């Protein structure tokens, strides 16, 4: 095997090992019990199965493939402390059995990595998109003239500075953006307050402005729907958006769309399950992975720059010591 191929495999396996270590540590730090009940067979802990599920979504694989790959990954089995390999149906049944509140707890644990209890987020953006649910191809849909794709609408709240998802909401059908806005604003502001909220025209509503300004005591920047004259725009805050719009802060709203793009490209935009409750758990796992992957990137960026800084400071120290050293007379020119 060529040296480049060996180096690629080594880097890839190291990346997977890093992810497994962080994910396994995160799951064990949550309040998820080791076993589902006292009468369980105890062949595998819930920590191990949940980490394997996150690993499956991380690699965008199905149940059979991740189990087949796990049989060849000795280091990952040692990290997970697995004495035997679970059957792929064990993972499938575990995902259907686990309570959604455990995934919510795991999501909150990812937020504790980035924030303390009293931290205030400067700018927060809210946007929505859809995850595809369906098995028919786009070519088949075009030939038959029937769109058989179904979308689960998902709204996320993103910290613009740190690119961390601080909240999300999922609905089975296509609902208006404002339906997701109110519960997301209440939940996220209760968890971590924000100074400013950015939204697109789909959230344009005087009630949302009033709720953010008067109830949450924060700034709201939502462009009003286009009208020929500003006097036709009713509402105090909507008229303010028309007359005095803050373009400087609103330009950062595109980062929430960037987060959606990263979320779908890294962890997949298609859902493999057909039951709505399990589909919601799949999306929850993707959101947890997005925050966990952001933390891993942050850790390695800090380590890289710290090592680079140490290297350069060491080089300067060596050069300064060489410059101060007495040079023998025979070496002078």
C-alpha atoms as a PDB file:
ATOM      1  CA  UNK A   1       0.000   0.000   0.000  1.00  0.00           C
ATOM      2  CA  UNK A   2       1.323   3.455  -0.840  1.00  0.00           C
ATOM      3  CA  UNK A   3       2.476   5.779   1.942  1.00  0.00           C
ATOM      4  CA  UNK A   4      -0.216   8.354   1.136  1.00  0.00           C
ATOM      5  CA  UNK A   5      -2.967   5.728   1.558  1.00  0.00           C
ATOM      6  CA  UNK A   6      -1.506   4.618   4.896  1.00  0.00           C
ATOM      7  CA  UNK A   7      -1.344   8.228   6.083  1.00  0.00           C
ATOM      8  CA  UNK A   8      -4.968   8.827   5.021  1.00  0.00           C
ATOM      9  CA  UNK A   9      -6.196   5.717   6.879  1.00  0.00           C
ATOM     10  CA  UNK A  10      -4.218   6.705   9.968  1.00  0.00           C
ATOM     11  CA  UNK A  11      -5.660  10.233  10.008  1.00  0.00           C
ATOM     12  CA  UNK A  12      -9.197   8.912   9.411  1.00  0.00           C
ATOM     13  CA  UNK A  13      -8.991   6.355  12.208  1.00  0.00           C
ATOM     14  CA  UNK A  14      -7.558   8.996  14.522  1.00  0.00           C
ATOM     15  CA  UNK A  15     -10.486  11.290  13.713  1.00  0.00           C
ATOM     16  CA  UNK A  16     -12.966   8.532  14.530  1.00  0.00           C
ATOM     17  CA  UNK A  17     -11.169   7.711  17.774  1.00  0.00           C
ATOM     18  CA  UNK A  18     -11.299  11.361  18.837  1.00  0.00           C
ATOM     19  CA  UNK A  19     -15.010  11.500  18.109  1.00  0.00           C
ATOM     20  CA  UNK A  20     -15.751   8.266  19.976  1.00  0.00           C
ATOM     21  CA  UNK A  21     -13.841   9.462  23.041  1.00  0.00           C
ATOM     22  CA  UNK A  22     -15.647  12.805  23.168  1.00  0.00           C
ATOM     23  CA  UNK A  23     -19.065  11.287  22.429  1.00  0.00           C
ATOM     24  CA  UNK A  24     -18.662   8.496  24.983  1.00  0.00           C
ATOM     25  CA  UNK A  25     -17.521  10.989  27.608  1.00  0.00           C
ATOM     26  CA  UNK A  26     -20.460  13.268  26.834  1.00  0.00           C
ATOM     27  CA  UNK A  27     -23.000  10.444  27.107  1.00  0.00           C
ATOM     28  CA  UNK A  28     -21.565   9.226  30.412  1.00  0.00           C
ATOM     29  CA  UNK A  29     -21.641  12.751  31.843  1.00  0.00           C
ATOM     30  CA  UNK A  30     -25.387  13.007  31.149  1.00  0.00           C
ATOM     31  CA  UNK A  31     -28.116  11.633  33.391  1.00  0.00           C
ATOM     32  CA  UNK A  32     -28.825   8.682  31.111  1.00  0.00           C
ATOM     33  CA  UNK A  33     -28.883   5.520  33.205  1.00  0.00           C
ATOM     34  CA  UNK A  34     -26.536   2.673  32.312  1.00  0.00           C
ATOM     35  CA  UNK A  35     -29.371   0.196  31.811  1.00  0.00           C
ATOM     36  CA  UNK A  36     -32.999   0.659  30.802  1.00  0.00           C
ATOM     37  CA  UNK A  37     -34.340  -1.365  33.751  1.00  0.00           C
ATOM     38  CA  UNK A  38     -33.111  -3.712  36.466  1.00  0.00           C
ATOM     39  CA  UNK A  39     -34.367  -6.747  34.521  1.00  0.00           C
ATOM     40  CA  UNK A  40     -32.380  -6.042  31.340  1.00  0.00           C
ATOM     41  CA  UNK A  41     -29.860  -8.591  30.076  1.00  0.00           C
ATOM     42  CA  UNK A  42     -27.024  -6.077  30.544  1.00  0.00           C
ATOM     43  CA  UNK A  43     -25.117  -7.220  27.497  1.00  0.00           C
ATOM     44  CA  UNK A  44     -24.582  -3.564  26.528  1.00  0.00           C
ATOM     45  CA  UNK A  45     -25.050  -0.323  28.403  1.00  0.00           C
ATOM     46  CA  UNK A  46     -27.223   2.486  27.127  1.00  0.00           C
ATOM     47  CA  UNK A  47     -24.093   4.640  27.026  1.00  0.00           C
ATOM     48  CA  UNK A  48     -22.466   2.259  24.557  1.00  0.00           C
ATOM     49  CA  UNK A  49     -25.538   1.945  22.327  1.00  0.00           C
ATOM     50  CA  UNK A  50     -26.181   5.687  22.282  1.00  0.00           C
ATOM     51  CA  UNK A  51     -22.560   6.385  21.362  1.00  0.00           C
ATOM     52  CA  UNK A  52     -22.772   3.863  18.506  1.00  0.00           C
ATOM     53  CA  UNK A  53     -25.955   5.574  17.281  1.00  0.00           C
ATOM     54  CA  UNK A  54     -24.162   8.928  17.260  1.00  0.00           C
ATOM     55  CA  UNK A  55     -21.262   7.284  15.446  1.00  0.00           C
ATOM     56  CA  UNK A  56     -23.720   5.933  12.841  1.00  0.00           C
ATOM     57  CA  UNK A  57     -25.089   9.413  12.175  1.00  0.00           C
ATOM     58  CA  UNK A  58     -21.572  10.851  12.204  1.00  0.00           C
ATOM     59  CA  UNK A  59     -20.558   8.542   9.347  1.00  0.00           C
ATOM     60  CA  UNK A  60     -23.962   8.764   7.581  1.00  0.00           C
ATOM     61  CA  UNK A  61     -24.364   4.982   7.557  1.00  0.00           C
ATOM     62  CA  UNK A  62     -27.204   2.546   8.167  1.00  0.00           C
ATOM     63  CA  UNK A  63     -27.456   0.031  11.000  1.00  0.00           C
ATOM     64  CA  UNK A  64     -25.959  -2.913   9.110  1.00  0.00           C
ATOM     65  CA  UNK A  65     -22.988  -0.948   7.775  1.00  0.00           C
ATOM     66  CA  UNK A  66     -21.957   0.605  11.079  1.00  0.00           C
ATOM     67  CA  UNK A  67     -22.037  -2.812  12.785  1.00  0.00           C
ATOM     68  CA  UNK A  68     -19.969  -4.374   9.978  1.00  0.00           C
ATOM     69  CA  UNK A  69     -17.401  -1.585  10.252  1.00  0.00           C
ATOM     70  CA  UNK A  70     -17.393  -1.832  14.031  1.00  0.00           C
ATOM     71  CA  UNK A  71     -16.267  -5.468  13.775  1.00  0.00           C
ATOM     72  CA  UNK A  72     -13.056  -4.290  12.072  1.00  0.00           C
ATOM     73  CA  UNK A  73     -12.345  -1.356  14.398  1.00  0.00           C
ATOM     74  CA  UNK A  74     -10.496  -2.789  17.382  1.00  0.00           C
ATOM     75  CA  UNK A  75      -9.485   0.547  18.881  1.00  0.00           C
ATOM     76  CA  UNK A  76     -13.046   1.846  18.843  1.00  0.00           C
ATOM     77  CA  UNK A  77     -14.323  -1.349  20.499  1.00  0.00           C
ATOM     78  CA  UNK A  78     -11.676  -0.958  23.184  1.00  0.00           C
ATOM     79  CA  UNK A  79     -12.642   2.683  23.736  1.00  0.00           C
ATOM     80  CA  UNK A  80     -16.307   1.733  24.082  1.00  0.00           C
ATOM     81  CA  UNK A  81     -15.361  -1.218  26.344  1.00  0.00           C
ATOM     82  CA  UNK A  82     -17.293  -3.650  24.160  1.00  0.00           C
ATOM     83  CA  UNK A  83     -16.766  -7.333  24.815  1.00  0.00           C
ATOM     84  CA  UNK A  84     -19.061  -8.334  21.929  1.00  0.00           C
ATOM     85  CA  UNK A  85     -20.601  -6.681  18.891  1.00  0.00           C
ATOM     86  CA  UNK A  86     -24.353  -5.909  19.094  1.00  0.00           C
ATOM     87  CA  UNK A  87     -26.695  -7.008  16.326  1.00  0.00           C
ATOM     88  CA  UNK A  88     -27.897  -4.223  14.054  1.00  0.00           C
ATOM     89  CA  UNK A  89     -31.501  -4.774  15.215  1.00  0.00           C
ATOM     90  CA  UNK A  90     -30.333  -4.011  18.763  1.00  0.00           C
ATOM     91  CA  UNK A  91     -29.483  -0.460  17.673  1.00  0.00           C
ATOM     92  CA  UNK A  92     -32.729  -0.125  15.749  1.00  0.00           C
ATOM     93  CA  UNK A  93     -34.847  -1.220  18.709  1.00  0.00           C
ATOM     94  CA  UNK A  94     -32.828   0.931  21.094  1.00  0.00           C
ATOM     95  CA  UNK A  95     -33.507   4.066  19.025  1.00  0.00           C
ATOM     96  CA  UNK A  96     -37.206   3.308  19.058  1.00  0.00           C
ATOM     97  CA  UNK A  97     -37.177   2.571  22.790  1.00  0.00           C
ATOM     98  CA  UNK A  98     -35.105   5.460  24.141  1.00  0.00           C
ATOM     99  CA  UNK A  99     -37.124   8.378  25.487  1.00  0.00           C
ATOM    100  CA  UNK A 100     -36.796  11.749  23.706  1.00  0.00           C
ATOM    101  CA  UNK A 101     -36.088  13.441  27.042  1.00  0.00           C
ATOM    102  CA  UNK A 102     -32.737  11.636  27.175  1.00  0.00           C
ATOM    103  CA  UNK A 103     -31.738  13.181  23.854  1.00  0.00           C
ATOM    104  CA  UNK A 104     -32.875  16.581  25.155  1.00  0.00           C
ATOM    105  CA  UNK A 105     -30.670  16.103  28.212  1.00  0.00           C
ATOM    106  CA  UNK A 106     -27.754  15.142  25.981  1.00  0.00           C
ATOM    107  CA  UNK A 107     -28.343  18.266  23.878  1.00  0.00           C
ATOM    108  CA  UNK A 108     -28.278  20.440  27.011  1.00  0.00           C
ATOM    109  CA  UNK A 109     -25.000  18.788  28.009  1.00  0.00           C
ATOM    110  CA  UNK A 110     -23.464  19.995  24.738  1.00  0.00           C
ATOM    111  CA  UNK A 111     -24.505  23.552  25.628  1.00  0.00           C
ATOM    112  CA  UNK A 112     -22.811  23.293  29.032  1.00  0.00           C
ATOM    113  CA  UNK A 113     -19.526  22.795  27.194  1.00  0.00           C
ATOM    114  CA  UNK A 114     -19.743  26.255  25.626  1.00  0.00           C
ATOM    115  CA  UNK A 115     -21.711  28.313  28.149  1.00  0.00           C
ATOM    116  CA  UNK A 116     -21.975  28.834  31.860  1.00  0.00           C
ATOM    117  CA  UNK A 117     -25.273  29.553  33.571  1.00  0.00           C
ATOM    118  CA  UNK A 118     -25.009  33.378  33.426  1.00  0.00           C
ATOM    119  CA  UNK A 119     -23.561  33.772  29.917  1.00  0.00           C
ATOM    120  CA  UNK A 120     -25.396  36.178  27.601  1.00  0.00           C
ATOM    121  CA  UNK A 121     -25.302  35.569  23.839  1.00  0.00           C
ATOM    122  CA  UNK A 122     -24.710  38.796  21.858  1.00  0.00           C
ATOM    123  CA  UNK A 123     -26.518  37.875  18.621  1.00  0.00           C
ATOM    124  CA  UNK A 124     -28.817  34.937  17.917  1.00  0.00           C
ATOM    125  CA  UNK A 125     -30.354  33.978  14.572  1.00  0.00           C
ATOM    126  CA  UNK A 126     -33.387  31.787  13.890  1.00  0.00           C
ATOM    127  CA  UNK A 127     -34.201  30.034  10.634  1.00  0.00           C
ATOM    128  CA  UNK A 128     -36.003  26.926   9.392  1.00  0.00           C
ATOM    129  CA  UNK A 129     -35.403  24.258   6.779  1.00  0.00           C
ATOM    130  CA  UNK A 130     -36.542  20.734   5.961  1.00  0.00           C
ATOM    131  CA  UNK A 131     -35.117  17.213   6.241  1.00  0.00           C
ATOM    132  CA  UNK A 132     -36.166  14.800   3.506  1.00  0.00           C
ATOM    133  CA  UNK A 133     -38.181  11.739   4.412  1.00  0.00           C
ATOM    134  CA  UNK A 134     -38.687   9.317   1.559  1.00  0.00           C
ATOM    135  CA  UNK A 135     -37.043   6.528  -0.427  1.00  0.00           C
ATOM    136  CA  UNK A 136     -38.100   7.252  -4.006  1.00  0.00           C
ATOM    137  CA  UNK A 137     -35.583   8.981  -6.259  1.00  0.00           C
ATOM    138  CA  UNK A 138     -36.024  12.457  -7.695  1.00  0.00           C
ATOM    139  CA  UNK A 139     -35.853  10.972 -11.210  1.00  0.00           C
ATOM    140  CA  UNK A 140     -38.813   8.676 -10.476  1.00  0.00           C
ATOM    141  CA  UNK A 141     -40.819  11.586  -9.080  1.00  0.00           C
ATOM    142  CA  UNK A 142     -40.211  13.642 -12.227  1.00  0.00           C
ATOM    143  CA  UNK A 143     -41.127  10.798 -14.588  1.00  0.00           C
ATOM    144  CA  UNK A 144     -44.366   9.998 -12.747  1.00  0.00           C
ATOM    145  CA  UNK A 145     -45.227  13.658 -12.209  1.00  0.00           C
ATOM    146  CA  UNK A 146     -45.835  13.064  -8.507  1.00  0.00           C
ATOM    147  CA  UNK A 147     -43.700  14.543  -5.772  1.00  0.00           C
ATOM    148  CA  UNK A 148     -43.369  11.748  -3.243  1.00  0.00           C
ATOM    149  CA  UNK A 149     -40.858  13.502  -1.027  1.00  0.00           C
ATOM    150  CA  UNK A 150     -41.973  14.502   2.435  1.00  0.00           C
ATOM    151  CA  UNK A 151     -40.183  17.116   4.516  1.00  0.00           C
ATOM    152  CA  UNK A 152     -39.958  17.526   8.267  1.00  0.00           C
ATOM    153  CA  UNK A 153     -39.739  21.208   9.022  1.00  0.00           C
ATOM    154  CA  UNK A 154     -36.988  22.007  11.497  1.00  0.00           C
ATOM    155  CA  UNK A 155     -36.208  25.394  13.050  1.00  0.00           C
ATOM    156  CA  UNK A 156     -32.904  26.044  14.802  1.00  0.00           C
ATOM    157  CA  UNK A 157     -31.528  28.841  16.969  1.00  0.00           C
ATOM    158  CA  UNK A 158     -27.834  29.572  16.369  1.00  0.00           C
ATOM    159  CA  UNK A 159     -25.305  31.623  18.299  1.00  0.00           C
ATOM    160  CA  UNK A 160     -23.731  33.723  15.559  1.00  0.00           C
ATOM    161  CA  UNK A 161     -20.349  34.160  17.257  1.00  0.00           C
ATOM    162  CA  UNK A 162     -19.646  30.557  18.262  1.00  0.00           C
ATOM    163  CA  UNK A 163     -21.794  28.818  15.621  1.00  0.00           C
ATOM    164  CA  UNK A 164     -23.519  26.688  18.271  1.00  0.00           C
ATOM    165  CA  UNK A 165     -27.122  25.492  18.005  1.00  0.00           C
ATOM    166  CA  UNK A 166     -28.854  26.584  21.212  1.00  0.00           C
ATOM    167  CA  UNK A 167     -32.345  25.273  20.406  1.00  0.00           C
ATOM    168  CA  UNK A 168     -34.425  23.466  17.800  1.00  0.00           C
ATOM    169  CA  UNK A 169     -38.015  22.451  17.082  1.00  0.00           C
ATOM    170  CA  UNK A 170     -39.405  19.844  14.694  1.00  0.00           C
ATOM    171  CA  UNK A 171     -42.849  19.521  13.137  1.00  0.00           C
ATOM    172  CA  UNK A 172     -44.288  16.800  10.923  1.00  0.00           C
ATOM    173  CA  UNK A 173     -46.047  19.091   8.460  1.00  0.00           C
ATOM    174  CA  UNK A 174     -45.179  22.419   6.880  1.00  0.00           C
ATOM    175  CA  UNK A 175     -46.223  25.084   9.361  1.00  0.00           C
ATOM    176  CA  UNK A 176     -45.693  28.826   9.394  1.00  0.00           C
ATOM    177  CA  UNK A 177     -42.381  30.066  10.763  1.00  0.00           C
ATOM    178  CA  UNK A 178     -44.071  31.994  13.559  1.00  0.00           C
ATOM    179  CA  UNK A 179     -45.490  28.734  14.979  1.00  0.00           C
ATOM    180  CA  UNK A 180     -41.948  27.626  15.840  1.00  0.00           C
ATOM    181  CA  UNK A 181     -40.747  31.098  16.776  1.00  0.00           C
ATOM    182  CA  UNK A 182     -42.620  31.578  20.056  1.00  0.00           C
ATOM    183  CA  UNK A 183     -41.665  28.301  21.813  1.00  0.00           C
ATOM    184  CA  UNK A 184     -38.072  28.608  20.582  1.00  0.00           C
ATOM    185  CA  UNK A 185     -37.748  32.169  21.867  1.00  0.00           C
ATOM    186  CA  UNK A 186     -39.179  31.233  25.263  1.00  0.00           C
ATOM    187  CA  UNK A 187     -37.035  28.144  25.655  1.00  0.00           C
ATOM    188  CA  UNK A 188     -33.730  29.603  24.437  1.00  0.00           C
ATOM    189  CA  UNK A 189     -34.102  32.888  26.310  1.00  0.00           C
ATOM    190  CA  UNK A 190     -34.892  31.001  29.501  1.00  0.00           C
ATOM    191  CA  UNK A 191     -31.791  28.862  29.045  1.00  0.00           C
ATOM    192  CA  UNK A 192     -29.359  31.561  27.834  1.00  0.00           C
ATOM    193  CA  UNK A 193     -30.424  35.153  27.314  1.00  0.00           C
ATOM    194  CA  UNK A 194     -29.599  36.927  24.078  1.00  0.00           C
ATOM    195  CA  UNK A 195     -29.189  40.625  23.361  1.00  0.00           C
ATOM    196  CA  UNK A 196     -30.456  40.512  19.770  1.00  0.00           C
ATOM    197  CA  UNK A 197     -32.505  38.156  17.568  1.00  0.00           C
ATOM    198  CA  UNK A 198     -32.179  38.053  13.781  1.00  0.00           C
ATOM    199  CA  UNK A 199     -34.886  36.584  11.514  1.00  0.00           C
ATOM    200  CA  UNK A 200     -35.907  36.810   7.874  1.00  0.00           C
ATOM    201  CA  UNK A 201     -39.148  38.141   6.387  1.00  0.00           C
ATOM    202  CA  UNK A 202     -40.983  34.917   7.117  1.00  0.00           C
ATOM    203  CA  UNK A 203     -41.075  35.913  10.795  1.00  0.00           C
ATOM    204  CA  UNK A 204     -42.311  39.456  10.129  1.00  0.00           C
ATOM    205  CA  UNK A 205     -44.998  40.087  12.744  1.00  0.00           C
ATOM    206  CA  UNK A 206     -45.741  42.892  15.158  1.00  0.00           C
ATOM    207  CA  UNK A 207     -46.541  40.307  17.853  1.00  0.00           C
ATOM    208  CA  UNK A 208     -43.095  38.731  17.550  1.00  0.00           C
ATOM    209  CA  UNK A 209     -41.453  42.166  17.718  1.00  0.00           C
ATOM    210  CA  UNK A 210     -43.474  43.075  20.777  1.00  0.00           C
ATOM    211  CA  UNK A 211     -42.746  39.751  22.461  1.00  0.00           C
ATOM    212  CA  UNK A 212     -38.984  40.114  21.958  1.00  0.00           C
ATOM    213  CA  UNK A 213     -38.773  43.810  22.841  1.00  0.00           C
ATOM    214  CA  UNK A 214     -41.174  43.926  25.811  1.00  0.00           C
ATOM    215  CA  UNK A 215     -41.161  40.402  27.280  1.00  0.00           C
ATOM    216  CA  UNK A 216     -37.580  39.307  26.575  1.00  0.00           C
ATOM    217  CA  UNK A 217     -35.995  42.803  26.748  1.00  0.00           C
ATOM    218  CA  UNK A 218     -33.904  42.171  23.644  1.00  0.00           C
ATOM    219  CA  UNK A 219     -33.505  43.705  20.188  1.00  0.00           C
ATOM    220  CA  UNK A 220     -35.353  42.231  17.227  1.00  0.00           C
ATOM    221  CA  UNK A 221     -34.205  42.742  13.642  1.00  0.00           C
ATOM    222  CA  UNK A 222     -36.759  41.381  11.176  1.00  0.00           C
ATOM    223  CA  UNK A 223     -37.173  43.056   7.763  1.00  0.00           C
ATOM    224  CA  UNK A 224     -40.742  44.068   7.021  1.00  0.00           C
ATOM    225  CA  UNK A 225     -42.454  42.708   3.948  1.00  0.00           C
ATOM    226  CA  UNK A 226     -42.016  45.044   1.007  1.00  0.00           C
ATOM    227  CA  UNK A 227     -44.680  47.703   0.503  1.00  0.00           C
ATOM    228  CA  UNK A 228     -44.777  50.610  -1.883  1.00  0.00           C
ATOM    229  CA  UNK A 229     -45.070  53.145   0.918  1.00  0.00           C
ATOM    230  CA  UNK A 230     -43.803  52.849   4.485  1.00  0.00           C
ATOM    231  CA  UNK A 231     -47.023  54.408   5.807  1.00  0.00           C
ATOM    232  CA  UNK A 232     -48.870  51.220   4.770  1.00  0.00           C
ATOM    233  CA  UNK A 233     -46.779  49.213   7.247  1.00  0.00           C
ATOM    234  CA  UNK A 234     -48.784  49.005  10.452  1.00  0.00           C
ATOM    235  CA  UNK A 235     -47.252  48.523  13.880  1.00  0.00           C
ATOM    236  CA  UNK A 236     -44.707  50.525  15.849  1.00  0.00           C
ATOM    237  CA  UNK A 237     -41.811  48.111  15.549  1.00  0.00           C
ATOM    238  CA  UNK A 238     -42.507  47.076  11.957  1.00  0.00           C
ATOM    239  CA  UNK A 239     -42.520  50.723  10.917  1.00  0.00           C
ATOM    240  CA  UNK A 240     -39.210  51.124  12.747  1.00  0.00           C
ATOM    241  CA  UNK A 241     -37.788  48.260  10.680  1.00  0.00           C
ATOM    242  CA  UNK A 242     -38.862  50.097   7.519  1.00  0.00           C
ATOM    243  CA  UNK A 243     -37.526  53.523   8.478  1.00  0.00           C
ATOM    244  CA  UNK A 244     -34.403  52.649  10.516  1.00  0.00           C
ATOM    245  CA  UNK A 245     -33.160  49.180   9.656  1.00  0.00           C
ATOM    246  CA  UNK A 246     -29.900  47.896  11.175  1.00  0.00           C
ATOM    247  CA  UNK A 247     -28.131  46.415   8.153  1.00  0.00           C
ATOM    248  CA  UNK A 248     -24.828  45.965  10.024  1.00  0.00           C
ATOM    249  CA  UNK A 249     -26.111  43.359  12.434  1.00  0.00           C
ATOM    250  CA  UNK A 250     -28.609  41.833  10.012  1.00  0.00           C
ATOM    251  CA  UNK A 251     -25.810  40.905   7.579  1.00  0.00           C
ATOM    252  CA  UNK A 252     -24.735  38.229  10.076  1.00  0.00           C
ATOM    253  CA  UNK A 253     -28.012  36.359   9.653  1.00  0.00           C
ATOM    254  CA  UNK A 254     -26.596  34.314   6.775  1.00  0.00           C
ATOM    255  CA  UNK A 255     -24.535  32.369   9.316  1.00  0.00           C
ATOM    256  CA  UNK A 256     -27.618  30.456  10.439  1.00  0.00           C
ATOM    257  CA  UNK A 257     -28.102  29.310   6.834  1.00  0.00           C
ATOM    258  CA  UNK A 258     -24.438  28.324   6.788  1.00  0.00           C
ATOM    259  CA  UNK A 259     -25.063  26.235   9.908  1.00  0.00           C
ATOM    260  CA  UNK A 260     -27.959  24.472   8.186  1.00  0.00           C
ATOM    261  CA  UNK A 261     -25.728  23.762   5.191  1.00  0.00           C
ATOM    262  CA  UNK A 262     -22.999  22.324   7.417  1.00  0.00           C
ATOM    263  CA  UNK A 263     -25.563  20.277   9.340  1.00  0.00           C
ATOM    264  CA  UNK A 264     -26.929  18.668   6.186  1.00  0.00           C
ATOM    265  CA  UNK A 265     -23.624  18.167   4.385  1.00  0.00           C
ATOM    266  CA  UNK A 266     -21.785  16.693   7.354  1.00  0.00           C
ATOM    267  CA  UNK A 267     -24.532  14.497   8.796  1.00  0.00           C
ATOM    268  CA  UNK A 268     -26.983  14.031   5.928  1.00  0.00           C
ATOM    269  CA  UNK A 269     -30.231  15.693   4.864  1.00  0.00           C
ATOM    270  CA  UNK A 270     -32.168  12.431   4.350  1.00  0.00           C
ATOM    271  CA  UNK A 271     -33.878  10.540   7.144  1.00  0.00           C
ATOM    272  CA  UNK A 272     -33.719   6.750   7.066  1.00  0.00           C
ATOM    273  CA  UNK A 273     -36.654   6.113   9.414  1.00  0.00           C
ATOM    274  CA  UNK A 274     -40.304   6.131   8.396  1.00  0.00           C
ATOM    275  CA  UNK A 275     -41.966   6.655  11.769  1.00  0.00           C
ATOM    276  CA  UNK A 276     -42.284  10.295  12.790  1.00  0.00           C
ATOM    277  CA  UNK A 277     -41.174   9.810  16.406  1.00  0.00           C
ATOM    278  CA  UNK A 278     -37.990   8.022  15.314  1.00  0.00           C
ATOM    279  CA  UNK A 279     -37.379  10.658  12.642  1.00  0.00           C
ATOM    280  CA  UNK A 280     -37.457  13.319  15.348  1.00  0.00           C
ATOM    281  CA  UNK A 281     -34.829  11.340  17.268  1.00  0.00           C
ATOM    282  CA  UNK A 282     -32.663  11.174  14.148  1.00  0.00           C
ATOM    283  CA  UNK A 283     -32.769  14.954  13.756  1.00  0.00           C
ATOM    284  CA  UNK A 284     -32.022  15.372  17.467  1.00  0.00           C
ATOM    285  CA  UNK A 285     -28.928  13.195  17.036  1.00  0.00           C
ATOM    286  CA  UNK A 286     -27.799  15.328  14.086  1.00  0.00           C
ATOM    287  CA  UNK A 287     -28.159  18.529  16.140  1.00  0.00           C
ATOM    288  CA  UNK A 288     -26.208  16.966  19.032  1.00  0.00           C
ATOM    289  CA  UNK A 289     -23.505  15.917  16.580  1.00  0.00           C
ATOM    290  CA  UNK A 290     -23.308  19.441  15.151  1.00  0.00           C
ATOM    291  CA  UNK A 291     -22.512  20.917  18.574  1.00  0.00           C
ATOM    292  CA  UNK A 292     -20.166  18.075  19.491  1.00  0.00           C
ATOM    293  CA  UNK A 293     -18.294  18.399  16.199  1.00  0.00           C
ATOM    294  CA  UNK A 294     -18.023  22.144  16.765  1.00  0.00           C
ATOM    295  CA  UNK A 295     -16.447  21.488  20.161  1.00  0.00           C
ATOM    296  CA  UNK A 296     -13.953  19.013  18.698  1.00  0.00           C
ATOM    297  CA  UNK A 297     -12.953  21.559  16.045  1.00  0.00           C
ATOM    298  CA  UNK A 298     -12.576  24.215  18.729  1.00  0.00           C
ATOM    299  CA  UNK A 299     -10.365  21.962  20.859  1.00  0.00           C
ATOM    300  CA  UNK A 300      -8.063  21.041  18.005  1.00  0.00           C
ATOM    301  CA  UNK A 301      -7.837  24.638  16.798  1.00  0.00           C
ATOM    302  CA  UNK A 302      -6.771  25.718  20.276  1.00  0.00           C
ATOM    303  CA  UNK A 303      -4.229  22.880  20.487  1.00  0.00           C
ATOM    304  CA  UNK A 304      -2.849  23.688  17.023  1.00  0.00           C
ATOM    305  CA  UNK A 305      -2.363  27.399  17.699  1.00  0.00           C
ATOM    306  CA  UNK A 306      -0.942  26.710  21.140  1.00  0.00           C
ATOM    307  CA  UNK A 307       1.548  24.246  19.679  1.00  0.00           C
ATOM    308  CA  UNK A 308       2.418  26.685  16.868  1.00  0.00           C
ATOM    309  CA  UNK A 309       2.893  29.497  19.373  1.00  0.00           C
ATOM    310  CA  UNK A 310       5.105  27.281  21.521  1.00  0.00           C
ATOM    311  CA  UNK A 311       7.100  26.279  18.445  1.00  0.00           C
ATOM    312  CA  UNK A 312       7.722  29.853  17.339  1.00  0.00           C
ATOM    313  CA  UNK A 313       8.508  31.053  20.846  1.00  0.00           C
ATOM    314  CA  UNK A 314      10.948  28.154  21.191  1.00  0.00           C
ATOM    315  CA  UNK A 315      12.573  29.022  17.875  1.00  0.00           C
ATOM    316  CA  UNK A 316      12.960  32.674  18.903  1.00  0.00           C
ATOM    317  CA  UNK A 317      14.403  31.567  22.227  1.00  0.00           C
ATOM    318  CA  UNK A 318      16.924  29.329  20.459  1.00  0.00           C
ATOM    319  CA  UNK A 319      17.888  32.100  18.045  1.00  0.00           C
ATOM    320  CA  UNK A 320      18.317  34.596  20.859  1.00  0.00           C
ATOM    321  CA  UNK A 321      20.448  32.160  22.824  1.00  0.00           C
ATOM    322  CA  UNK A 322      22.578  31.490  19.744  1.00  0.00           C
ATOM    323  CA  UNK A 323      22.941  35.207  19.174  1.00  0.00           C
ATOM    324  CA  UNK A 324      24.133  35.789  22.727  1.00  0.00           C
ATOM    325  CA  UNK A 325      26.572  32.884  22.631  1.00  0.00           C
ATOM    326  CA  UNK A 326      30.262  33.714  22.400  1.00  0.00           C
ATOM    327  CA  UNK A 327      31.590  32.833  18.941  1.00  0.00           C
ATOM    328  CA  UNK A 328      35.142  31.377  18.718  1.00  0.00           C
ATOM    329  CA  UNK A 329      37.696  33.584  17.106  1.00  0.00           C
ATOM    330  CA  UNK A 330      38.450  31.040  14.418  1.00  0.00           C
ATOM    331  CA  UNK A 331      34.790  31.241  13.202  1.00  0.00           C
ATOM    332  CA  UNK A 332      34.725  35.015  12.684  1.00  0.00           C
ATOM    333  CA  UNK A 333      35.033  36.359   9.208  1.00  0.00           C
END
